Amino acid sequence: MTVEQMHDLSINNKLTIQNTKCACFYCLKTFDGSDVVRFIDNGNTARCPACGTDAVLPRIVDIDTLKELHKHYF
């Protein structure tokens, strides 16, 4: 999966984060999807419960991939 495809998973992801482990490519934290309580984009895009950034992936990826996403988008 490309960096761009991974990034697409962080948009309009409210339904895909439910009942799964998630990761934030801004702060590099992992957490349960149920920990997400804040959303943007009309309630459709998750915000990280640790840092508040809308960089939540509905899966845990390796730290190197998270760092690559962080570098590319931030």
N, C-alpha and C. Protein backbone atom coordinates (compact mmCIF):
# COMPACT_ATOMS: atom_id res chain seq x y z
N MET A 1 0.86 -1.17 0.00
CA MET A 1 0.00 0.00 0.00
C MET A 1 0.90 1.24 0.00
N THR A 2 0.56 2.21 -0.82
CA THR A 2 1.36 3.43 -0.91
C THR A 2 1.05 4.36 0.27
N VAL A 3 1.90 5.35 0.44
CA VAL A 3 1.69 6.36 1.48
C VAL A 3 0.36 7.07 1.26
N GLU A 4 0.07 7.37 0.02
CA GLU A 4 -1.18 8.06 -0.30
C GLU A 4 -2.39 7.19 0.02
N GLN A 5 -2.32 5.90 -0.27
CA GLN A 5 -3.42 4.99 0.05
C GLN A 5 -3.60 4.86 1.56
N MET A 6 -2.49 4.80 2.29
CA MET A 6 -2.57 4.75 3.75
C MET A 6 -3.22 6.02 4.28
N HIS A 7 -2.81 7.18 3.74
CA HIS A 7 -3.38 8.45 4.16
C HIS A 7 -4.89 8.48 3.92
N ASP A 8 -5.34 7.93 2.81
CA ASP A 8 -6.77 7.90 2.51
C ASP A 8 -7.57 7.18 3.60
N LEU A 9 -6.95 6.25 4.31
CA LEU A 9 -7.63 5.54 5.39
C LEU A 9 -7.90 6.43 6.60
N SER A 10 -7.25 7.58 6.65
CA SER A 10 -7.43 8.49 7.79
C SER A 10 -8.56 9.49 7.57
N ILE A 11 -9.25 9.38 6.45
CA ILE A 11 -10.34 10.30 6.10
C ILE A 11 -11.66 9.52 6.06
N ASN A 12 -12.71 10.11 6.60
CA ASN A 12 -14.02 9.46 6.62
C ASN A 12 -13.93 8.04 7.16
N ASN A 13 -13.31 7.90 8.32
CA ASN A 13 -12.99 6.59 8.87
C ASN A 13 -13.78 6.22 10.13
N LYS A 14 -14.82 6.93 10.44
CA LYS A 14 -15.56 6.66 11.68
C LYS A 14 -16.02 5.20 11.77
N LEU A 15 -16.55 4.67 10.71
CA LEU A 15 -17.04 3.29 10.74
C LEU A 15 -15.91 2.27 10.73
N THR A 16 -14.81 2.58 10.07
CA THR A 16 -13.72 1.60 9.96
C THR A 16 -12.86 1.51 11.22
N ILE A 17 -12.95 2.50 12.12
CA ILE A 17 -12.13 2.42 13.34
C ILE A 17 -12.84 1.66 14.45
N GLN A 18 -14.12 1.42 14.29
CA GLN A 18 -14.88 0.73 15.33
C GLN A 18 -14.37 -0.70 15.49
N ASN A 19 -14.22 -1.11 16.75
CA ASN A 19 -13.83 -2.48 17.08
C ASN A 19 -12.47 -2.90 16.51
N THR A 20 -11.54 -1.95 16.42
CA THR A 20 -10.22 -2.29 15.91
C THR A 20 -9.15 -1.49 16.64
N LYS A 21 -7.95 -1.95 16.56
CA LYS A 21 -6.81 -1.18 17.06
C LYS A 21 -6.47 -0.13 16.02
N CYS A 22 -6.07 1.03 16.47
CA CYS A 22 -5.76 2.14 15.57
C CYS A 22 -4.37 2.70 15.86
N ALA A 23 -3.90 3.52 14.96
CA ALA A 23 -2.62 4.19 15.14
C ALA A 23 -2.72 5.61 14.59
N CYS A 24 -1.97 6.51 15.21
CA CYS A 24 -1.91 7.90 14.76
C CYS A 24 -0.54 8.14 14.12
N PHE A 25 -0.54 8.63 12.90
CA PHE A 25 0.74 8.89 12.25
C PHE A 25 1.27 10.31 12.52
N TYR A 26 0.61 11.02 13.42
CA TYR A 26 1.19 12.28 13.89
C TYR A 26 1.99 12.05 15.18
N CYS A 27 1.34 11.50 16.20
CA CYS A 27 2.02 11.30 17.49
C CYS A 27 2.58 9.89 17.64
N LEU A 28 2.25 9.00 16.69
CA LEU A 28 2.77 7.62 16.64
C LEU A 28 2.24 6.73 17.76
N LYS A 29 1.12 7.11 18.37
CA LYS A 29 0.51 6.31 19.43
C LYS A 29 -0.44 5.28 18.82
N THR A 30 -0.67 4.20 19.57
CA THR A 30 -1.68 3.22 19.20
C THR A 30 -2.76 3.19 20.28
N PHE A 31 -3.96 2.82 19.90
CA PHE A 31 -5.10 2.86 20.81
C PHE A 31 -6.26 2.09 20.21
N ASP A 32 -7.26 1.82 21.02
CA ASP A 32 -8.48 1.18 20.54
C ASP A 32 -9.36 2.21 19.84
N GLY A 33 -10.04 1.78 18.80
CA GLY A 33 -10.96 2.67 18.09
C GLY A 33 -12.03 3.23 19.01
N SER A 34 -12.40 2.46 20.02
CA SER A 34 -13.42 2.93 20.97
C SER A 34 -12.93 4.09 21.83
N ASP A 35 -11.62 4.34 21.86
CA ASP A 35 -11.07 5.47 22.60
C ASP A 35 -11.29 6.80 21.88
N VAL A 36 -11.61 6.75 20.61
CA VAL A 36 -11.84 7.97 19.82
C VAL A 36 -13.22 8.51 20.15
N VAL A 37 -13.26 9.76 20.60
CA VAL A 37 -14.53 10.40 20.93
C VAL A 37 -14.73 11.72 20.19
N ARG A 38 -13.69 12.17 19.49
CA ARG A 38 -13.80 13.44 18.76
C ARG A 38 -13.63 13.18 17.27
N PHE A 39 -14.48 13.84 16.50
CA PHE A 39 -14.48 13.68 15.05
C PHE A 39 -14.61 15.05 14.39
N ILE A 40 -14.14 15.13 13.15
CA ILE A 40 -14.32 16.33 12.32
C ILE A 40 -15.01 15.90 11.03
N ASP A 41 -15.12 16.80 10.08
CA ASP A 41 -15.76 16.51 8.79
C ASP A 41 -17.17 15.95 8.99
N ASN A 42 -18.01 16.73 9.66
CA ASN A 42 -19.39 16.32 9.92
C ASN A 42 -19.48 15.01 10.69
N GLY A 43 -18.51 14.79 11.57
CA GLY A 43 -18.52 13.60 12.41
C GLY A 43 -18.04 12.33 11.75
N ASN A 44 -17.32 12.46 10.64
CA ASN A 44 -16.91 11.28 9.89
C ASN A 44 -15.43 10.93 9.98
N THR A 45 -14.58 11.87 10.40
CA THR A 45 -13.14 11.64 10.44
C THR A 45 -12.65 11.71 11.89
N ALA A 46 -12.01 10.64 12.31
CA ALA A 46 -11.55 10.51 13.69
C ALA A 46 -10.38 11.44 14.01
N ARG A 47 -10.38 11.92 15.26
CA ARG A 47 -9.25 12.68 15.78
C ARG A 47 -8.60 11.84 16.87
N CYS A 48 -7.30 11.80 16.88
CA CYS A 48 -6.54 10.99 17.82
C CYS A 48 -6.88 11.38 19.26
N PRO A 49 -7.14 10.39 20.12
CA PRO A 49 -7.44 10.70 21.51
C PRO A 49 -6.21 11.19 22.28
N ALA A 50 -5.02 10.95 21.77
CA ALA A 50 -3.80 11.39 22.45
C ALA A 50 -3.40 12.81 22.06
N CYS A 51 -3.45 13.13 20.75
CA CYS A 51 -2.94 14.43 20.31
C CYS A 51 -3.99 15.32 19.64
N GLY A 52 -5.14 14.74 19.28
CA GLY A 52 -6.21 15.53 18.67
C GLY A 52 -6.08 15.73 17.18
N THR A 53 -5.07 15.16 16.56
CA THR A 53 -4.86 15.33 15.13
C THR A 53 -5.71 14.34 14.34
N ASP A 54 -6.13 14.72 13.16
CA ASP A 54 -6.93 13.83 12.31
C ASP A 54 -6.02 12.96 11.45
N ALA A 55 -5.19 12.17 12.13
CA ALA A 55 -4.22 11.30 11.46
C ALA A 55 -4.36 9.87 11.95
N VAL A 56 -5.61 9.44 12.13
CA VAL A 56 -5.91 8.12 12.70
C VAL A 56 -6.07 7.09 11.59
N LEU A 57 -5.32 6.00 11.72
CA LEU A 57 -5.45 4.88 10.80
C LEU A 57 -6.23 3.76 11.48
N PRO A 58 -7.16 3.14 10.78
CA PRO A 58 -7.96 2.09 11.38
C PRO A 58 -7.25 0.74 11.39
N ARG A 59 -6.01 0.75 11.75
CA ARG A 59 -5.20 -0.46 11.88
C ARG A 59 -3.86 -0.05 12.48
N ILE A 60 -3.22 -1.01 13.06
CA ILE A 60 -1.87 -0.74 13.56
C ILE A 60 -0.88 -1.13 12.49
N VAL A 61 -0.02 -0.20 12.15
CA VAL A 61 1.05 -0.48 11.20
C VAL A 61 2.38 -0.35 11.92
N ASP A 62 3.42 -0.84 11.30
CA ASP A 62 4.72 -0.78 11.97
C ASP A 62 5.18 0.66 12.13
N ILE A 63 6.04 0.87 13.08
CA ILE A 63 6.52 2.21 13.43
C ILE A 63 7.20 2.90 12.26
N ASP A 64 7.90 2.15 11.42
CA ASP A 64 8.57 2.76 10.27
C ASP A 64 7.56 3.35 9.29
N THR A 65 6.45 2.66 9.09
CA THR A 65 5.40 3.17 8.21
C THR A 65 4.76 4.41 8.81
N LEU A 66 4.50 4.39 10.11
CA LEU A 66 3.96 5.59 10.78
C LEU A 66 4.90 6.77 10.63
N LYS A 67 6.19 6.53 10.80
CA LYS A 67 7.18 7.61 10.67
C LYS A 67 7.24 8.12 9.23
N GLU A 68 7.12 7.22 8.26
CA GLU A 68 7.12 7.64 6.86
C GLU A 68 5.91 8.50 6.54
N LEU A 69 4.74 8.11 7.05
CA LEU A 69 3.53 8.92 6.87
C LEU A 69 3.68 10.28 7.53
N HIS A 70 4.22 10.28 8.75
CA HIS A 70 4.42 11.53 9.48
C HIS A 70 5.33 12.46 8.67
N LYS A 71 6.43 11.94 8.22
CA LYS A 71 7.39 12.74 7.43
C LYS A 71 6.75 13.30 6.17
N HIS A 72 5.98 12.47 5.50
CA HIS A 72 5.37 12.87 4.22
C HIS A 72 4.29 13.94 4.40
N TYR A 73 3.49 13.82 5.47
CA TYR A 73 2.34 14.71 5.62
C TYR A 73 2.52 15.82 6.64
N PHE A 74 3.56 15.73 7.49
CA PHE A 74 3.76 16.78 8.47
C PHE A 74 5.16 17.33 8.37
